Amino acid sequence: MTENDSGGTGRVLVVGDVVTDVVAVLSGPLASGSDTPAAIRSTGGGQAANTASWLAAQGVPVTLVGAVGDDGAGRDRVAELTAAGVDCAVERIAGTTTGTVIVLTAGGERTMVTERGANVRLRPDHVAAALSGAPDATHLYLSGYTLLDAESRPAGLRALAGARERGLTTSVDAASAAPLRAVGPAAFLNWVREVDLLLVNVDEATVLAGGLEPAAQGRALLSVARRVVVKRGGAGAVWVDRDATIVTSAAHRVTVRDVTGAGDAFAAGLLRAWLAGAAPDAALARAVDLGAAAVAQVGARPVR
């Protein structure tokens, strides 16, 4: 899915993980202690890298800031991102390996087994240099995984601080409920305080705001973010902002093949529309379109 017109958006800096996804689409329930037939493929992944790819597929100028190992997988990941139109400010870290995620998917659900590898070695000075090297940037998107690991957290915090210093708008995706719970919701909300846009799925919103209905969760999170989008999977999404705007969007009915990267595609569609000046309902509609395109294919990146 490709568009050549960015719709008037400036350059987006995307900061966060680059990994190799090993995706296994299971034929049925996982047979513990035995064999489960599956269709298996190895492909590029990582929340930040996926979002950057979906932005580039829409014609948005995008720079990915991240880290890979000094290995074949790292070289392959950078090469495929470059071929997809992403400008890569990706550091190669000697003596470590590129991150890997094993994704088990069945019945529209997924389980991920993660080794973050070089991603935890992303350095604040590398992020600062990338910010300085992109004078045309207007927005910074940060993958929450960067904040959720203590080793990469200083780089994530530097990204947000540097973006604010340069007058960029900011967005953060909360990334994953289990590590959010581990670091504690109060700590995470303090790290992202006054972000322009916070994206959460229902599980993440429950960790951060409690077991409320989605619009109420969004309103509760407006104490730290100017705008909140709660992703509800097959039930659509909700936008809430400090102007008391509440917009809901239904999901498209599609045949689900693999949900890997659906949230990243959703984020890219939302950012492309919102940064170009679209109203919340139009931005959500764009996000839902790309999320539907993602789940209808296998793999987390747009098919070219």
C-alpha atoms as a PDB file:
ATOM      1  CA  MET A   1       0.000   0.000   0.000  1.00  0.00           C
ATOM      2  CA  THR A   2       1.846   3.071  -1.197  1.00  0.00           C
ATOM      3  CA  GLU A   3       1.085   6.755  -1.617  1.00  0.00           C
ATOM      4  CA  ASN A   4       3.501   9.238  -3.128  1.00  0.00           C
ATOM      5  CA  ASP A   5       2.079  12.370  -1.494  1.00  0.00           C
ATOM      6  CA  SER A   6       2.907  12.944   2.173  1.00  0.00           C
ATOM      7  CA  GLY A   7      -0.135  15.174   2.505  1.00  0.00           C
ATOM      8  CA  GLY A   8       1.936  18.121   3.688  1.00  0.00           C
ATOM      9  CA  THR A   9       3.649  16.451   6.646  1.00  0.00           C
ATOM     10  CA  GLY A  10       7.222  17.319   7.552  1.00  0.00           C
ATOM     11  CA  ARG A  11       9.885  14.776   8.387  1.00  0.00           C
ATOM     12  CA  VAL A  12       9.047  12.358  11.176  1.00  0.00           C
ATOM     13  CA  LEU A  13      11.807  11.048  13.438  1.00  0.00           C
ATOM     14  CA  VAL A  14      10.982   7.550  14.669  1.00  0.00           C
ATOM     15  CA  VAL A  15      13.009   6.299  17.641  1.00  0.00           C
ATOM     16  CA  GLY A  16      13.073   2.729  18.876  1.00  0.00           C
ATOM     17  CA  ASP A  17      13.503  -0.937  18.128  1.00  0.00           C
ATOM     18  CA  VAL A  18      14.718  -2.692  14.993  1.00  0.00           C
ATOM     19  CA  VAL A  19      14.437  -6.484  15.125  1.00  0.00           C
ATOM     20  CA  THR A  20      14.144  -9.644  13.101  1.00  0.00           C
ATOM     21  CA  ASP A  21      10.676 -11.174  13.417  1.00  0.00           C
ATOM     22  CA  VAL A  22      10.393 -14.950  13.169  1.00  0.00           C
ATOM     23  CA  VAL A  23       6.661 -15.300  12.577  1.00  0.00           C
ATOM     24  CA  ALA A  24       4.974 -18.675  13.008  1.00  0.00           C
ATOM     25  CA  VAL A  25       1.328 -18.782  11.919  1.00  0.00           C
ATOM     26  CA  LEU A  26       0.099 -21.877  13.758  1.00  0.00           C
ATOM     27  CA  SER A  27      -2.367 -24.276  12.184  1.00  0.00           C
ATOM     28  CA  GLY A  28      -4.150 -24.681  15.515  1.00  0.00           C
ATOM     29  CA  PRO A  29      -3.570 -24.435  19.275  1.00  0.00           C
ATOM     30  CA  LEU A  30       0.023 -24.827  20.411  1.00  0.00           C
ATOM     31  CA  ALA A  31       0.667 -28.465  21.328  1.00  0.00           C
ATOM     32  CA  SER A  32       2.841 -28.107  24.423  1.00  0.00           C
ATOM     33  CA  GLY A  33       5.602 -30.720  24.531  1.00  0.00           C
ATOM     34  CA  SER A  34       4.896 -31.837  20.966  1.00  0.00           C
ATOM     35  CA  ASP A  35       4.804 -30.537  17.368  1.00  0.00           C
ATOM     36  CA  THR A  36       2.468 -27.891  15.974  1.00  0.00           C
ATOM     37  CA  PRO A  37       2.445 -27.359  12.183  1.00  0.00           C
ATOM     38  CA  ALA A  38       2.937 -23.744  11.171  1.00  0.00           C
ATOM     39  CA  ALA A  39       3.826 -21.461   8.279  1.00  0.00           C
ATOM     40  CA  ILE A  40       7.094 -19.795   9.334  1.00  0.00           C
ATOM     41  CA  ARG A  41       8.846 -16.790   7.838  1.00  0.00           C
ATOM     42  CA  SER A  42      11.644 -14.498   8.908  1.00  0.00           C
ATOM     43  CA  THR A  43      11.217 -10.792   8.220  1.00  0.00           C
ATOM     44  CA  GLY A  44      12.009  -7.320   9.480  1.00  0.00           C
ATOM     45  CA  GLY A  45      10.196  -6.143  12.584  1.00  0.00           C
ATOM     46  CA  GLY A  46      10.380  -3.908  15.625  1.00  0.00           C
ATOM     47  CA  GLN A  47       7.749  -1.359  16.625  1.00  0.00           C
ATOM     48  CA  ALA A  48       9.746   1.680  15.514  1.00  0.00           C
ATOM     49  CA  ALA A  49      11.037   0.117  12.301  1.00  0.00           C
ATOM     50  CA  ASN A  50       7.554  -1.066  11.353  1.00  0.00           C
ATOM     51  CA  THR A  51       6.006   2.337  11.972  1.00  0.00           C
ATOM     52  CA  ALA A  52       8.752   4.020   9.946  1.00  0.00           C
ATOM     53  CA  SER A  53       8.112   1.611   7.060  1.00  0.00           C
ATOM     54  CA  TRP A  54       4.370   2.297   7.043  1.00  0.00           C
ATOM     55  CA  LEU A  55       5.045   6.042   7.128  1.00  0.00           C
ATOM     56  CA  ALA A  56       7.449   5.766   4.186  1.00  0.00           C
ATOM     57  CA  ALA A  57       4.878   3.709   2.247  1.00  0.00           C
ATOM     58  CA  GLN A  58       2.546   6.713   2.502  1.00  0.00           C
ATOM     59  CA  GLY A  59       5.198   9.069   1.137  1.00  0.00           C
ATOM     60  CA  VAL A  60       6.053  10.654   4.508  1.00  0.00           C
ATOM     61  CA  PRO A  61       9.726  11.699   4.893  1.00  0.00           C
ATOM     62  CA  VAL A  62      10.932   9.569   7.809  1.00  0.00           C
ATOM     63  CA  THR A  63      14.188   8.927   9.647  1.00  0.00           C
ATOM     64  CA  LEU A  64      14.570   5.878  11.873  1.00  0.00           C
ATOM     65  CA  VAL A  65      16.843   6.237  14.904  1.00  0.00           C
ATOM     66  CA  GLY A  66      17.854   2.919  16.433  1.00  0.00           C
ATOM     67  CA  ALA A  67      20.548   0.315  16.979  1.00  0.00           C
ATOM     68  CA  VAL A  68      21.395  -3.076  15.474  1.00  0.00           C
ATOM     69  CA  GLY A  69      24.205  -5.530  15.995  1.00  0.00           C
ATOM     70  CA  ASP A  70      27.265  -5.572  13.786  1.00  0.00           C
ATOM     71  CA  ASP A  71      26.014  -8.774  12.174  1.00  0.00           C
ATOM     72  CA  GLY A  72      24.348 -10.003   9.020  1.00  0.00           C
ATOM     73  CA  ALA A  73      20.873  -9.561  10.452  1.00  0.00           C
ATOM     74  CA  GLY A  74      21.585  -5.936  11.282  1.00  0.00           C
ATOM     75  CA  ARG A  75      22.911  -5.234   7.803  1.00  0.00           C
ATOM     76  CA  ASP A  76      19.852  -6.909   6.271  1.00  0.00           C
ATOM     77  CA  ARG A  77      17.437  -4.907   8.423  1.00  0.00           C
ATOM     78  CA  VAL A  78      19.041  -1.584   7.494  1.00  0.00           C
ATOM     79  CA  ALA A  79      19.196  -2.521   3.812  1.00  0.00           C
ATOM     80  CA  GLU A  80      15.512  -3.440   3.614  1.00  0.00           C
ATOM     81  CA  LEU A  81      14.463  -0.283   5.464  1.00  0.00           C
ATOM     82  CA  THR A  82      16.558   1.852   3.134  1.00  0.00           C
ATOM     83  CA  ALA A  83      15.016   0.106   0.127  1.00  0.00           C
ATOM     84  CA  ALA A  84      11.570   0.895   1.575  1.00  0.00           C
ATOM     85  CA  GLY A  85      12.377   4.624   1.585  1.00  0.00           C
ATOM     86  CA  VAL A  86      13.343   5.028   5.252  1.00  0.00           C
ATOM     87  CA  ASP A  87      16.370   7.195   6.045  1.00  0.00           C
ATOM     88  CA  CYS A  88      18.325   5.187   8.611  1.00  0.00           C
ATOM     89  CA  ALA A  89      20.224   6.810  11.459  1.00  0.00           C
ATOM     90  CA  VAL A  90      20.826   3.323  12.834  1.00  0.00           C
ATOM     91  CA  GLU A  91      23.934   2.649  14.884  1.00  0.00           C
ATOM     92  CA  ARG A  92      25.758  -0.683  14.557  1.00  0.00           C
ATOM     93  CA  ILE A  93      26.868  -1.929  17.969  1.00  0.00           C
ATOM     94  CA  ALA A  94      29.982  -4.121  17.980  1.00  0.00           C
ATOM     95  CA  GLY A  95      29.943  -7.229  20.151  1.00  0.00           C
ATOM     96  CA  THR A  96      26.177  -7.669  20.257  1.00  0.00           C
ATOM     97  CA  THR A  97      23.448  -9.125  18.085  1.00  0.00           C
ATOM     98  CA  THR A  98      20.449  -7.577  16.388  1.00  0.00           C
ATOM     99  CA  GLY A  99      17.228  -8.016  18.339  1.00  0.00           C
ATOM    100  CA  THR A 100      14.951 -10.953  17.553  1.00  0.00           C
ATOM    101  CA  VAL A 101      11.284 -11.588  18.288  1.00  0.00           C
ATOM    102  CA  ILE A 102       9.613 -14.974  17.882  1.00  0.00           C
ATOM    103  CA  VAL A 103       5.941 -14.366  17.112  1.00  0.00           C
ATOM    104  CA  LEU A 104       3.447 -17.206  17.542  1.00  0.00           C
ATOM    105  CA  THR A 105       0.111 -16.309  15.986  1.00  0.00           C
ATOM    106  CA  ALA A 106      -3.127 -18.317  15.889  1.00  0.00           C
ATOM    107  CA  GLY A 107      -6.806 -17.448  15.819  1.00  0.00           C
ATOM    108  CA  GLY A 108      -6.140 -13.724  15.478  1.00  0.00           C
ATOM    109  CA  GLU A 109      -4.027 -13.598  18.651  1.00  0.00           C
ATOM    110  CA  ARG A 110      -0.257 -13.554  19.093  1.00  0.00           C
ATOM    111  CA  THR A 111       2.387 -14.363  21.677  1.00  0.00           C
ATOM    112  CA  MET A 112       5.845 -12.820  21.450  1.00  0.00           C
ATOM    113  CA  VAL A 113       9.161 -14.101  22.797  1.00  0.00           C
ATOM    114  CA  THR A 114      11.674 -11.263  22.731  1.00  0.00           C
ATOM    115  CA  GLU A 115      15.422 -10.750  22.787  1.00  0.00           C
ATOM    116  CA  ARG A 116      15.968  -6.987  22.395  1.00  0.00           C
ATOM    117  CA  GLY A 117      19.651  -7.387  21.596  1.00  0.00           C
ATOM    118  CA  ALA A 118      21.337  -4.204  20.388  1.00  0.00           C
ATOM    119  CA  ASN A 119      18.177  -2.157  20.968  1.00  0.00           C
ATOM    120  CA  VAL A 120      19.018  -1.816  24.649  1.00  0.00           C
ATOM    121  CA  ARG A 121      22.336  -0.219  23.648  1.00  0.00           C
ATOM    122  CA  LEU A 122      20.761   2.812  21.952  1.00  0.00           C
ATOM    123  CA  ARG A 123      22.633   5.822  23.389  1.00  0.00           C
ATOM    124  CA  PRO A 124      21.397   9.319  24.250  1.00  0.00           C
ATOM    125  CA  ASP A 125      24.214  10.948  22.287  1.00  0.00           C
ATOM    126  CA  HIS A 126      23.251   8.990  19.160  1.00  0.00           C
ATOM    127  CA  VAL A 127      19.663  10.185  19.531  1.00  0.00           C
ATOM    128  CA  ALA A 128      20.829  13.774  20.069  1.00  0.00           C
ATOM    129  CA  ALA A 129      23.010  13.623  16.948  1.00  0.00           C
ATOM    130  CA  ALA A 130      20.097  12.302  14.883  1.00  0.00           C
ATOM    131  CA  LEU A 131      17.887  15.137  16.110  1.00  0.00           C
ATOM    132  CA  SER A 132      20.540  17.699  15.205  1.00  0.00           C
ATOM    133  CA  GLY A 133      21.001  16.084  11.800  1.00  0.00           C
ATOM    134  CA  ALA A 134      17.334  16.419  10.809  1.00  0.00           C
ATOM    135  CA  PRO A 135      16.563  20.162  10.703  1.00  0.00           C
ATOM    136  CA  ASP A 136      13.443  19.491   8.605  1.00  0.00           C
ATOM    137  CA  ALA A 137      11.869  17.254  11.255  1.00  0.00           C
ATOM    138  CA  THR A 138       8.538  18.397  12.668  1.00  0.00           C
ATOM    139  CA  HIS A 139       7.507  15.400  14.761  1.00  0.00           C
ATOM    140  CA  LEU A 140       9.092  12.708  16.928  1.00  0.00           C
ATOM    141  CA  TYR A 141       7.467   9.311  17.468  1.00  0.00           C
ATOM    142  CA  LEU A 142       8.929   7.189  20.281  1.00  0.00           C
ATOM    143  CA  SER A 143       8.347   3.474  20.717  1.00  0.00           C
ATOM    144  CA  GLY A 144       7.535   2.819  24.367  1.00  0.00           C
ATOM    145  CA  TYR A 145       9.862  -0.187  24.416  1.00  0.00           C
ATOM    146  CA  THR A 146      12.762   2.276  24.568  1.00  0.00           C
ATOM    147  CA  LEU A 147      11.428   3.635  27.871  1.00  0.00           C
ATOM    148  CA  LEU A 148      10.408   0.281  29.327  1.00  0.00           C
ATOM    149  CA  ASP A 149      13.960  -1.128  29.431  1.00  0.00           C
ATOM    150  CA  ALA A 150      16.280   0.523  31.966  1.00  0.00           C
ATOM    151  CA  GLU A 151      19.276   0.328  29.603  1.00  0.00           C
ATOM    152  CA  SER A 152      17.641   2.167  26.700  1.00  0.00           C
ATOM    153  CA  ARG A 153      15.503   4.505  28.847  1.00  0.00           C
ATOM    154  CA  PRO A 154      18.042   7.380  28.900  1.00  0.00           C
ATOM    155  CA  ALA A 155      17.962   7.428  25.088  1.00  0.00           C
ATOM    156  CA  GLY A 156      14.164   7.549  25.082  1.00  0.00           C
ATOM    157  CA  LEU A 157      14.076  10.372  27.600  1.00  0.00           C
ATOM    158  CA  ARG A 158      16.707  12.264  25.600  1.00  0.00           C
ATOM    159  CA  ALA A 159      14.589  11.859  22.468  1.00  0.00           C
ATOM    160  CA  LEU A 160      11.543  13.437  24.125  1.00  0.00           C
ATOM    161  CA  ALA A 161      13.555  16.224  25.752  1.00  0.00           C
ATOM    162  CA  GLY A 162      15.438  16.998  22.536  1.00  0.00           C
ATOM    163  CA  ALA A 163      12.233  17.081  20.506  1.00  0.00           C
ATOM    164  CA  ARG A 164      10.680  19.580  22.903  1.00  0.00           C
ATOM    165  CA  GLU A 165      13.821  21.729  22.845  1.00  0.00           C
ATOM    166  CA  ARG A 166      13.543  21.922  19.053  1.00  0.00           C
ATOM    167  CA  GLY A 167       9.803  22.603  18.998  1.00  0.00           C
ATOM    168  CA  LEU A 168       8.780  19.220  17.535  1.00  0.00           C
ATOM    169  CA  THR A 169       5.448  17.662  18.377  1.00  0.00           C
ATOM    170  CA  THR A 170       5.736  14.265  20.046  1.00  0.00           C
ATOM    171  CA  SER A 171       3.948  10.948  20.197  1.00  0.00           C
ATOM    172  CA  VAL A 172       4.560   7.791  22.223  1.00  0.00           C
ATOM    173  CA  ASP A 173       3.159   4.300  21.809  1.00  0.00           C
ATOM    174  CA  ALA A 174       2.903   2.542  25.182  1.00  0.00           C
ATOM    175  CA  ALA A 175       4.136  -0.675  23.501  1.00  0.00           C
ATOM    176  CA  SER A 176       3.227  -3.581  25.803  1.00  0.00           C
ATOM    177  CA  ALA A 177       1.155  -4.208  28.923  1.00  0.00           C
ATOM    178  CA  ALA A 178       3.448  -6.646  30.767  1.00  0.00           C
ATOM    179  CA  PRO A 179       6.573  -4.438  30.861  1.00  0.00           C
ATOM    180  CA  LEU A 180       4.367  -1.410  31.635  1.00  0.00           C
ATOM    181  CA  ARG A 181       3.101  -3.248  34.661  1.00  0.00           C
ATOM    182  CA  ALA A 182       6.652  -4.184  35.633  1.00  0.00           C
ATOM    183  CA  VAL A 183       8.026  -0.611  35.568  1.00  0.00           C
ATOM    184  CA  GLY A 184       4.868   0.773  37.159  1.00  0.00           C
ATOM    185  CA  PRO A 185       2.243   3.025  35.568  1.00  0.00           C
ATOM    186  CA  ALA A 186       3.201   6.083  37.642  1.00  0.00           C
ATOM    187  CA  ALA A 187       6.793   5.966  36.406  1.00  0.00           C
ATOM    188  CA  PHE A 188       5.819   5.569  32.758  1.00  0.00           C
ATOM    189  CA  LEU A 189       3.266   8.372  32.909  1.00  0.00           C
ATOM    190  CA  ASN A 190       5.873  10.652  34.436  1.00  0.00           C
ATOM    191  CA  TRP A 191       8.307   9.880  31.586  1.00  0.00           C
ATOM    192  CA  VAL A 192       5.744  10.791  28.905  1.00  0.00           C
ATOM    193  CA  ARG A 193       4.232  13.805  30.667  1.00  0.00           C
ATOM    194  CA  GLU A 194       2.914  16.477  28.240  1.00  0.00           C
ATOM    195  CA  VAL A 195       3.415  14.321  25.153  1.00  0.00           C
ATOM    196  CA  ASP A 196       1.199  15.562  22.308  1.00  0.00           C
ATOM    197  CA  LEU A 197      -0.232  12.129  21.465  1.00  0.00           C
ATOM    198  CA  LEU A 198      -0.268   8.914  23.508  1.00  0.00           C
ATOM    199  CA  LEU A 199      -1.284   5.658  21.832  1.00  0.00           C
ATOM    200  CA  VAL A 200      -2.392   2.714  23.966  1.00  0.00           C
ATOM    201  CA  ASN A 201      -4.245  -0.509  23.342  1.00  0.00           C
ATOM    202  CA  VAL A 202      -6.959  -1.647  25.748  1.00  0.00           C
ATOM    203  CA  ASP A 203      -4.595  -3.790  27.853  1.00  0.00           C
ATOM    204  CA  GLU A 204      -2.071  -0.952  28.160  1.00  0.00           C
ATOM    205  CA  ALA A 205      -4.817   1.538  28.960  1.00  0.00           C
ATOM    206  CA  THR A 206      -6.041  -0.773  31.728  1.00  0.00           C
ATOM    207  CA  VAL A 207      -2.560  -0.874  33.268  1.00  0.00           C
ATOM    208  CA  LEU A 208      -2.224   2.910  33.070  1.00  0.00           C
ATOM    209  CA  ALA A 209      -5.776   4.058  33.842  1.00  0.00           C
ATOM    210  CA  GLY A 210      -7.628   1.111  35.370  1.00  0.00           C
ATOM    211  CA  GLY A 211     -10.529  -1.001  34.194  1.00  0.00           C
ATOM    212  CA  LEU A 212     -12.706   1.771  32.815  1.00  0.00           C
ATOM    213  CA  GLU A 213     -14.445   1.852  29.447  1.00  0.00           C
ATOM    214  CA  PRO A 214     -12.079   3.086  26.669  1.00  0.00           C
ATOM    215  CA  ALA A 215     -13.247   6.707  26.444  1.00  0.00           C
ATOM    216  CA  ALA A 216     -12.975   7.050  30.224  1.00  0.00           C
ATOM    217  CA  GLN A 217      -9.492   5.537  30.117  1.00  0.00           C
ATOM    218  CA  GLY A 218      -8.546   8.116  27.512  1.00  0.00           C
ATOM    219  CA  ARG A 219      -9.944  10.967  29.600  1.00  0.00           C
ATOM    220  CA  ALA A 220      -8.006   9.757  32.642  1.00  0.00           C
ATOM    221  CA  LEU A 221      -4.768   9.830  30.654  1.00  0.00           C
ATOM    222  CA  LEU A 222      -5.315  13.428  29.524  1.00  0.00           C
ATOM    223  CA  SER A 223      -3.640  14.437  32.779  1.00  0.00           C
ATOM    224  CA  VAL A 224      -0.320  13.570  31.127  1.00  0.00           C
ATOM    225  CA  ALA A 225      -1.022  13.651  27.364  1.00  0.00           C
ATOM    226  CA  ARG A 226      -2.720  16.288  25.234  1.00  0.00           C
ATOM    227  CA  ARG A 227      -4.397  13.641  23.070  1.00  0.00           C
ATOM    228  CA  VAL A 228      -4.982   9.936  23.701  1.00  0.00           C
ATOM    229  CA  VAL A 229      -5.959   7.226  21.245  1.00  0.00           C
ATOM    230  CA  VAL A 230      -7.132   3.898  22.652  1.00  0.00           C
ATOM    231  CA  LYS A 231      -6.732   1.075  20.119  1.00  0.00           C
ATOM    232  CA  ARG A 232      -9.465  -1.548  20.542  1.00  0.00           C
ATOM    233  CA  GLY A 233      -8.433  -4.099  17.910  1.00  0.00           C
ATOM    234  CA  GLY A 234     -11.481  -5.508  16.159  1.00  0.00           C
ATOM    235  CA  ALA A 235     -13.704  -3.023  18.027  1.00  0.00           C
ATOM    236  CA  GLY A 236     -12.042   0.020  16.431  1.00  0.00           C
ATOM    237  CA  ALA A 237     -10.498   2.964  18.278  1.00  0.00           C
ATOM    238  CA  VAL A 238     -11.305   6.004  20.415  1.00  0.00           C
ATOM    239  CA  TRP A 239      -9.734   9.491  20.232  1.00  0.00           C
ATOM    240  CA  VAL A 240      -9.938  11.780  23.284  1.00  0.00           C
ATOM    241  CA  ASP A 241      -8.303  15.208  23.651  1.00  0.00           C
ATOM    242  CA  ARG A 242      -8.187  18.199  25.988  1.00  0.00           C
ATOM    243  CA  ASP A 243     -10.664  20.088  23.819  1.00  0.00           C
ATOM    244  CA  ALA A 244     -13.262  17.585  25.109  1.00  0.00           C
ATOM    245  CA  THR A 245     -13.359  15.894  21.705  1.00  0.00           C
ATOM    246  CA  ILE A 246     -14.336  12.218  21.774  1.00  0.00           C
ATOM    247  CA  VAL A 247     -14.370  10.368  18.449  1.00  0.00           C
ATOM    248  CA  THR A 248     -14.873   6.656  17.889  1.00  0.00           C
ATOM    249  CA  SER A 249     -14.120   4.653  14.766  1.00  0.00           C
ATOM    250  CA  ALA A 250     -15.233   1.131  13.934  1.00  0.00           C
ATOM    251  CA  ALA A 251     -12.799  -1.447  12.604  1.00  0.00           C
ATOM    252  CA  HIS A 252     -13.073  -2.896   9.093  1.00  0.00           C
ATOM    253  CA  ARG A 253     -14.225  -6.482   8.705  1.00  0.00           C
ATOM    254  CA  VAL A 254     -11.331  -8.312   7.055  1.00  0.00           C
ATOM    255  CA  THR A 255      -9.946 -11.820   7.082  1.00  0.00           C
ATOM    256  CA  VAL A 256      -7.237 -11.758   9.733  1.00  0.00           C
ATOM    257  CA  ARG A 257      -4.045 -13.534   8.693  1.00  0.00           C
ATOM    258  CA  ASP A 258      -1.501 -12.069  11.115  1.00  0.00           C
ATOM    259  CA  VAL A 259      -1.927  -9.265  13.665  1.00  0.00           C
ATOM    260  CA  THR A 260       1.830  -8.610  13.893  1.00  0.00           C
ATOM    261  CA  GLY A 261       2.503  -4.932  13.220  1.00  0.00           C
ATOM    262  CA  ALA A 262      -1.163  -3.937  13.053  1.00  0.00           C
ATOM    263  CA  GLY A 263      -0.744  -1.371  15.812  1.00  0.00           C
ATOM    264  CA  ASP A 264       2.340   0.035  14.087  1.00  0.00           C
ATOM    265  CA  ALA A 265       0.468   0.432  10.801  1.00  0.00           C
ATOM    266  CA  PHE A 266      -2.407   2.050  12.711  1.00  0.00           C
ATOM    267  CA  ALA A 267       0.016   4.526  14.305  1.00  0.00           C
ATOM    268  CA  ALA A 268       1.558   5.405  10.947  1.00  0.00           C
ATOM    269  CA  GLY A 269      -1.839   6.043   9.372  1.00  0.00           C
ATOM    270  CA  LEU A 270      -2.912   8.167  12.310  1.00  0.00           C
ATOM    271  CA  LEU A 271       0.291  10.219  12.265  1.00  0.00           C
ATOM    272  CA  ARG A 272       0.224  10.773   8.521  1.00  0.00           C
ATOM    273  CA  ALA A 273      -3.303  12.176   8.666  1.00  0.00           C
ATOM    274  CA  TRP A 274      -3.040  14.112  11.930  1.00  0.00           C
ATOM    275  CA  LEU A 275       0.288  15.755  11.069  1.00  0.00           C
ATOM    276  CA  ALA A 276      -1.196  16.842   7.728  1.00  0.00           C
ATOM    277  CA  GLY A 277      -3.991  18.655   9.591  1.00  0.00           C
ATOM    278  CA  ALA A 278      -6.775  16.073   9.409  1.00  0.00           C
ATOM    279  CA  ALA A 279      -9.593  16.199  11.942  1.00  0.00           C
ATOM    280  CA  PRO A 280      -9.697  13.397  14.545  1.00  0.00           C
ATOM    281  CA  ASP A 281     -12.374  11.398  12.691  1.00  0.00           C
ATOM    282  CA  ALA A 282     -10.400  11.480   9.443  1.00  0.00           C
ATOM    283  CA  ALA A 283      -7.161  10.625  11.247  1.00  0.00           C
ATOM    284  CA  LEU A 284      -8.810   7.624  12.921  1.00  0.00           C
ATOM    285  CA  ALA A 285     -10.294   6.507   9.608  1.00  0.00           C
ATOM    286  CA  ARG A 286      -6.829   6.567   8.020  1.00  0.00           C
ATOM    287  CA  ALA A 287      -5.391   4.645  10.969  1.00  0.00           C
ATOM    288  CA  VAL A 288      -8.082   1.969  10.753  1.00  0.00           C
ATOM    289  CA  ASP A 289      -7.487   1.598   7.000  1.00  0.00           C
ATOM    290  CA  LEU A 290      -3.798   0.808   7.518  1.00  0.00           C
ATOM    291  CA  GLY A 291      -4.457  -1.423  10.507  1.00  0.00           C
ATOM    292  CA  ALA A 292      -6.854  -3.469   8.380  1.00  0.00           C
ATOM    293  CA  ALA A 293      -4.271  -3.715   5.588  1.00  0.00           C
ATOM    294  CA  ALA A 294      -1.713  -5.004   8.098  1.00  0.00           C
ATOM    295  CA  VAL A 295      -3.828  -7.807   9.570  1.00  0.00           C
ATOM    296  CA  ALA A 296      -4.839  -9.027   6.095  1.00  0.00           C
ATOM    297  CA  GLN A 297      -1.206  -9.948   5.313  1.00  0.00           C
ATOM    298  CA  VAL A 298       1.546 -11.970   6.970  1.00  0.00           C
ATOM    299  CA  GLY A 299       4.364  -9.855   8.385  1.00  0.00           C
ATOM    300  CA  ALA A 300       4.639  -6.481  10.055  1.00  0.00           C
ATOM    301  CA  ARG A 301       5.778  -4.308   7.123  1.00  0.00           C
ATOM    302  CA  PRO A 302       3.800  -3.011   4.120  1.00  0.00           C
ATOM    303  CA  VAL A 303       3.864  -5.247   1.069  1.00  0.00           C
ATOM    304  CA  ARG A 304       5.445  -3.417  -1.851  1.00  0.00           C
END
